């Protein structure tokens, strides 16, 4: 996973997902915590996006269309990164399970 792509997610998203990508050298527990943190960050981005969408649809003056669209894009990029990590983990698991001992 390219960390430059993750930097586009924003400060919160990149820090959580970036930690998940770089935590493999610290061991299983560190990777697990980093992955959990990254998934929570993606969830928070999606909740923020949904909240801004609802506020904009209700006509709140404090929420602009630009802020809403940026939040939606951050949530989408974060989710795509999480799905990519998941797919690679499943692929690695399948490869390991298919190895002959």
N, C-alpha and C. Protein backbone atom coordinates (compact mmCIF):
# COMPACT_ATOMS: atom_id res chain seq x y z
N UNK A 1 0.84 -1.16 0.00
CA UNK A 1 0.00 0.00 0.00
C UNK A 1 0.89 1.23 0.00
N UNK A 2 0.56 2.17 -0.84
CA UNK A 2 1.37 3.36 -0.99
C UNK A 2 0.96 4.40 0.05
N UNK A 3 1.91 4.85 0.86
CA UNK A 3 1.60 5.81 1.91
C UNK A 3 1.27 7.18 1.34
N UNK A 4 1.73 7.51 0.12
CA UNK A 4 1.36 8.79 -0.49
C UNK A 4 -0.13 8.83 -0.76
N UNK A 5 -0.71 7.69 -1.14
CA UNK A 5 -2.15 7.62 -1.33
C UNK A 5 -2.86 7.86 -0.01
N UNK A 6 -2.33 7.27 1.05
CA UNK A 6 -2.96 7.40 2.36
C UNK A 6 -2.86 8.81 2.91
N UNK A 7 -1.85 9.56 2.51
CA UNK A 7 -1.72 10.93 2.99
C UNK A 7 -2.85 11.80 2.47
N UNK A 8 -3.45 11.41 1.36
CA UNK A 8 -4.58 12.14 0.81
C UNK A 8 -5.84 11.96 1.63
N UNK A 9 -5.88 10.98 2.49
CA UNK A 9 -7.06 10.72 3.32
C UNK A 9 -7.25 11.85 4.33
N UNK A 10 -6.19 12.49 4.74
CA UNK A 10 -6.25 13.54 5.74
C UNK A 10 -5.44 13.14 6.95
N UNK A 11 -5.28 14.05 7.86
CA UNK A 11 -4.42 13.81 9.02
C UNK A 11 -4.91 12.63 9.85
N UNK A 12 -6.18 12.55 10.12
CA UNK A 12 -6.70 11.46 10.94
C UNK A 12 -6.63 10.13 10.21
N UNK A 13 -7.05 10.11 8.97
CA UNK A 13 -7.06 8.87 8.22
C UNK A 13 -5.67 8.35 7.92
N UNK A 14 -4.77 9.23 7.55
CA UNK A 14 -3.42 8.80 7.20
C UNK A 14 -2.67 8.29 8.42
N UNK A 15 -2.91 8.90 9.56
CA UNK A 15 -2.18 8.43 10.74
C UNK A 15 -2.64 7.04 11.13
N UNK A 16 -3.92 6.77 11.08
CA UNK A 16 -4.41 5.45 11.45
C UNK A 16 -4.04 4.39 10.43
N UNK A 17 -4.25 4.67 9.15
CA UNK A 17 -3.94 3.69 8.12
C UNK A 17 -2.44 3.57 7.92
N UNK A 18 -1.71 4.66 8.06
CA UNK A 18 -0.26 4.61 7.92
C UNK A 18 0.36 3.75 9.00
N UNK A 19 -0.17 3.82 10.19
CA UNK A 19 0.33 2.96 11.28
C UNK A 19 0.06 1.50 10.96
N UNK A 20 -1.08 1.21 10.36
CA UNK A 20 -1.39 -0.19 10.03
C UNK A 20 -0.41 -0.71 8.98
N UNK A 21 -0.02 0.11 8.05
CA UNK A 21 0.89 -0.34 7.00
C UNK A 21 2.30 -0.54 7.52
N UNK A 22 2.72 0.26 8.50
CA UNK A 22 4.08 0.18 8.98
C UNK A 22 4.26 -0.65 10.23
N UNK A 23 3.21 -1.29 10.73
CA UNK A 23 3.29 -1.98 12.01
C UNK A 23 3.71 -3.43 11.89
N UNK A 24 4.00 -3.91 10.69
CA UNK A 24 4.32 -5.33 10.54
C UNK A 24 5.63 -5.71 11.21
N UNK A 25 6.54 -4.78 11.40
CA UNK A 25 7.83 -5.11 12.01
C UNK A 25 7.75 -5.19 13.53
N UNK A 26 6.66 -4.72 14.13
CA UNK A 26 6.57 -4.72 15.59
C UNK A 26 5.96 -6.01 16.13
N UNK A 27 5.44 -6.87 15.27
CA UNK A 27 4.87 -8.12 15.73
C UNK A 27 3.37 -8.16 15.54
N UNK A 28 2.79 -9.32 15.88
CA UNK A 28 1.37 -9.52 15.67
C UNK A 28 0.49 -8.61 16.48
N UNK A 29 0.83 -8.41 17.75
CA UNK A 29 -0.01 -7.57 18.60
C UNK A 29 0.00 -6.13 18.13
N UNK A 30 1.15 -5.63 17.71
CA UNK A 30 1.24 -4.26 17.21
C UNK A 30 0.46 -4.08 15.93
N UNK A 31 0.52 -5.06 15.04
CA UNK A 31 -0.22 -4.99 13.79
C UNK A 31 -1.72 -5.03 14.07
N UNK A 32 -2.12 -5.88 15.00
CA UNK A 32 -3.53 -6.00 15.34
C UNK A 32 -4.08 -4.68 15.89
N UNK A 33 -3.33 -4.06 16.77
CA UNK A 33 -3.75 -2.77 17.33
C UNK A 33 -3.80 -1.69 16.26
N UNK A 34 -2.80 -1.69 15.39
CA UNK A 34 -2.75 -0.69 14.32
C UNK A 34 -3.90 -0.88 13.34
N UNK A 35 -4.21 -2.13 13.02
CA UNK A 35 -5.32 -2.40 12.12
C UNK A 35 -6.65 -2.00 12.75
N UNK A 36 -6.81 -2.29 14.03
CA UNK A 36 -8.01 -1.89 14.75
C UNK A 36 -8.14 -0.37 14.76
N UNK A 37 -7.05 0.31 15.01
CA UNK A 37 -7.06 1.78 15.01
C UNK A 37 -7.41 2.33 13.62
N UNK A 38 -6.87 1.71 12.59
CA UNK A 38 -7.16 2.15 11.22
C UNK A 38 -8.63 1.95 10.88
N UNK A 39 -9.20 0.83 11.28
CA UNK A 39 -10.61 0.58 11.00
C UNK A 39 -11.51 1.54 11.76
N UNK A 40 -11.13 1.87 12.98
CA UNK A 40 -11.90 2.86 13.73
C UNK A 40 -11.81 4.24 13.08
N UNK A 41 -10.64 4.56 12.53
CA UNK A 41 -10.47 5.83 11.84
C UNK A 41 -11.35 5.89 10.60
N UNK A 42 -11.40 4.80 9.84
CA UNK A 42 -12.26 4.75 8.66
C UNK A 42 -13.72 4.89 9.07
N UNK A 43 -14.09 4.22 10.14
CA UNK A 43 -15.46 4.33 10.64
C UNK A 43 -15.79 5.76 11.04
N UNK A 44 -14.86 6.42 11.73
CA UNK A 44 -15.07 7.82 12.13
C UNK A 44 -15.22 8.73 10.91
N UNK A 45 -14.41 8.49 9.87
CA UNK A 45 -14.51 9.29 8.65
C UNK A 45 -15.87 9.10 8.00
N UNK A 46 -16.38 7.87 8.00
CA UNK A 46 -17.69 7.61 7.40
C UNK A 46 -18.81 8.25 8.22
N UNK A 47 -18.69 8.19 9.55
CA UNK A 47 -19.71 8.83 10.40
C UNK A 47 -19.71 10.33 10.20
N UNK A 48 -18.52 10.94 10.11
CA UNK A 48 -18.42 12.38 9.89
C UNK A 48 -19.03 12.75 8.54
N UNK A 49 -18.75 11.95 7.53
CA UNK A 49 -19.30 12.21 6.19
C UNK A 49 -20.83 12.13 6.21
N UNK A 50 -21.37 11.12 6.85
CA UNK A 50 -22.83 10.97 6.93
C UNK A 50 -23.46 12.12 7.69
N UNK A 51 -22.80 12.54 8.76
CA UNK A 51 -23.31 13.65 9.56
C UNK A 51 -23.35 14.94 8.74
N UNK A 52 -22.26 15.20 8.02
CA UNK A 52 -22.22 16.41 7.19
C UNK A 52 -23.26 16.35 6.08
N UNK A 53 -23.46 15.18 5.51
CA UNK A 53 -24.48 15.04 4.46
C UNK A 53 -25.86 15.36 4.99
N UNK A 54 -26.19 14.80 6.16
CA UNK A 54 -27.49 15.07 6.77
C UNK A 54 -27.67 16.55 7.08
N UNK A 55 -26.63 17.15 7.65
CA UNK A 55 -26.71 18.57 8.00
C UNK A 55 -26.90 19.43 6.75
N UNK A 56 -26.17 19.09 5.69
CA UNK A 56 -26.30 19.87 4.46
C UNK A 56 -27.69 19.72 3.86
N UNK A 57 -28.23 18.49 3.89
CA UNK A 57 -29.57 18.26 3.34
C UNK A 57 -30.64 18.97 4.15
N UNK A 58 -30.39 19.16 5.44
CA UNK A 58 -31.35 19.86 6.29
C UNK A 58 -31.24 21.37 6.14
N UNK A 59 -30.21 21.83 5.43
CA UNK A 59 -30.07 23.26 5.17
C UNK A 59 -29.27 24.02 6.22
N UNK A 60 -28.42 23.34 6.96
CA UNK A 60 -27.62 24.01 7.99
C UNK A 60 -26.67 25.00 7.32
N UNK A 61 -26.63 26.21 7.83
CA UNK A 61 -25.77 27.24 7.25
C UNK A 61 -24.29 27.01 7.55
N UNK A 62 -23.99 26.26 8.59
CA UNK A 62 -22.59 26.05 9.00
C UNK A 62 -21.88 25.00 8.16
N UNK A 63 -22.62 24.26 7.31
CA UNK A 63 -22.02 23.19 6.51
C UNK A 63 -22.08 23.58 5.03
N UNK A 64 -20.92 23.58 4.40
CA UNK A 64 -20.89 23.90 2.97
C UNK A 64 -20.85 22.63 2.14
N UNK A 65 -21.19 22.78 0.89
CA UNK A 65 -21.15 21.65 -0.04
C UNK A 65 -19.72 21.15 -0.20
N UNK A 66 -18.77 22.08 -0.22
CA UNK A 66 -17.36 21.70 -0.38
C UNK A 66 -16.88 20.84 0.77
N UNK A 67 -17.20 21.23 2.00
CA UNK A 67 -16.81 20.45 3.17
C UNK A 67 -17.43 19.05 3.13
N UNK A 68 -18.67 19.00 2.71
CA UNK A 68 -19.37 17.72 2.62
C UNK A 68 -18.72 16.80 1.59
N UNK A 69 -18.41 17.36 0.44
CA UNK A 69 -17.79 16.56 -0.63
C UNK A 69 -16.39 16.09 -0.24
N UNK A 70 -15.61 16.94 0.42
CA UNK A 70 -14.28 16.54 0.87
C UNK A 70 -14.37 15.42 1.89
N UNK A 71 -15.32 15.53 2.82
CA UNK A 71 -15.51 14.48 3.83
C UNK A 71 -15.92 13.17 3.17
N UNK A 72 -16.77 13.25 2.16
CA UNK A 72 -17.19 12.04 1.46
C UNK A 72 -16.02 11.38 0.74
N UNK A 73 -15.16 12.19 0.12
CA UNK A 73 -14.00 11.64 -0.59
C UNK A 73 -13.00 11.02 0.39
N UNK A 74 -12.79 11.66 1.53
CA UNK A 74 -11.89 11.10 2.55
C UNK A 74 -12.41 9.74 3.02
N UNK A 75 -13.71 9.66 3.26
CA UNK A 75 -14.31 8.40 3.70
C UNK A 75 -14.18 7.33 2.62
N UNK A 76 -14.37 7.72 1.36
CA UNK A 76 -14.27 6.75 0.27
C UNK A 76 -12.85 6.24 0.11
N UNK A 77 -11.86 7.13 0.16
CA UNK A 77 -10.46 6.70 0.02
C UNK A 77 -10.06 5.82 1.20
N UNK A 78 -10.47 6.19 2.40
CA UNK A 78 -10.17 5.38 3.57
C UNK A 78 -10.78 3.99 3.48
N UNK A 79 -12.03 3.93 3.02
CA UNK A 79 -12.70 2.64 2.88
C UNK A 79 -12.02 1.79 1.82
N UNK A 80 -11.65 2.40 0.69
CA UNK A 80 -10.97 1.65 -0.36
C UNK A 80 -9.63 1.11 0.13
N UNK A 81 -8.91 1.90 0.93
CA UNK A 81 -7.64 1.43 1.49
C UNK A 81 -7.87 0.25 2.43
N UNK A 82 -8.91 0.35 3.26
CA UNK A 82 -9.22 -0.75 4.19
C UNK A 82 -9.60 -2.02 3.43
N UNK A 83 -10.37 -1.88 2.36
CA UNK A 83 -10.75 -3.05 1.56
C UNK A 83 -9.52 -3.67 0.90
N UNK A 84 -8.60 -2.82 0.43
CA UNK A 84 -7.37 -3.33 -0.18
C UNK A 84 -6.55 -4.11 0.83
N UNK A 85 -6.42 -3.59 2.04
CA UNK A 85 -5.68 -4.30 3.10
C UNK A 85 -6.36 -5.62 3.41
N UNK A 86 -7.68 -5.60 3.52
CA UNK A 86 -8.41 -6.83 3.80
C UNK A 86 -8.20 -7.86 2.70
N UNK A 87 -8.28 -7.43 1.44
CA UNK A 87 -8.09 -8.36 0.32
C UNK A 87 -6.69 -8.96 0.33
N UNK A 88 -5.70 -8.15 0.66
CA UNK A 88 -4.33 -8.67 0.71
C UNK A 88 -4.14 -9.64 1.88
N UNK A 89 -4.78 -9.37 3.00
CA UNK A 89 -4.70 -10.29 4.13
C UNK A 89 -5.36 -11.63 3.80
N UNK A 90 -6.50 -11.59 3.15
CA UNK A 90 -7.19 -12.82 2.76
C UNK A 90 -6.35 -13.59 1.76
N UNK A 91 -5.75 -12.88 0.82
CA UNK A 91 -4.89 -13.54 -0.16
C UNK A 91 -3.68 -14.18 0.50
N UNK A 92 -3.06 -13.47 1.44
CA UNK A 92 -1.91 -14.04 2.15
C UNK A 92 -2.32 -15.25 2.97
N UNK A 93 -3.47 -15.18 3.62
CA UNK A 93 -3.97 -16.31 4.40
C UNK A 93 -4.21 -17.52 3.49
N UNK A 94 -4.81 -17.28 2.34
CA UNK A 94 -5.06 -18.38 1.39
C UNK A 94 -3.76 -18.99 0.91
N UNK A 95 -2.77 -18.14 0.63
CA UNK A 95 -1.47 -18.66 0.19
C UNK A 95 -0.82 -19.52 1.26
N UNK A 96 -0.90 -19.08 2.49
CA UNK A 96 -0.31 -19.83 3.60
C UNK A 96 -1.05 -21.15 3.80
N UNK A 97 -2.36 -21.13 3.72
CA UNK A 97 -3.14 -22.35 3.93
C UNK A 97 -2.93 -23.35 2.80
N UNK A 98 -2.59 -22.89 1.61
CA UNK A 98 -2.37 -23.79 0.47
C UNK A 98 -0.92 -24.30 0.38
N UNK A 99 -0.05 -23.85 1.28
CA UNK A 99 1.33 -24.34 1.27
C UNK A 99 1.38 -25.79 1.72
N UNK A 100 2.25 -26.52 1.09
CA UNK A 100 2.44 -27.91 1.50
C UNK A 100 3.51 -27.95 2.59
N UNK A 101 3.22 -28.73 3.63
CA UNK A 101 4.15 -28.82 4.75
C UNK A 101 5.04 -30.03 4.62
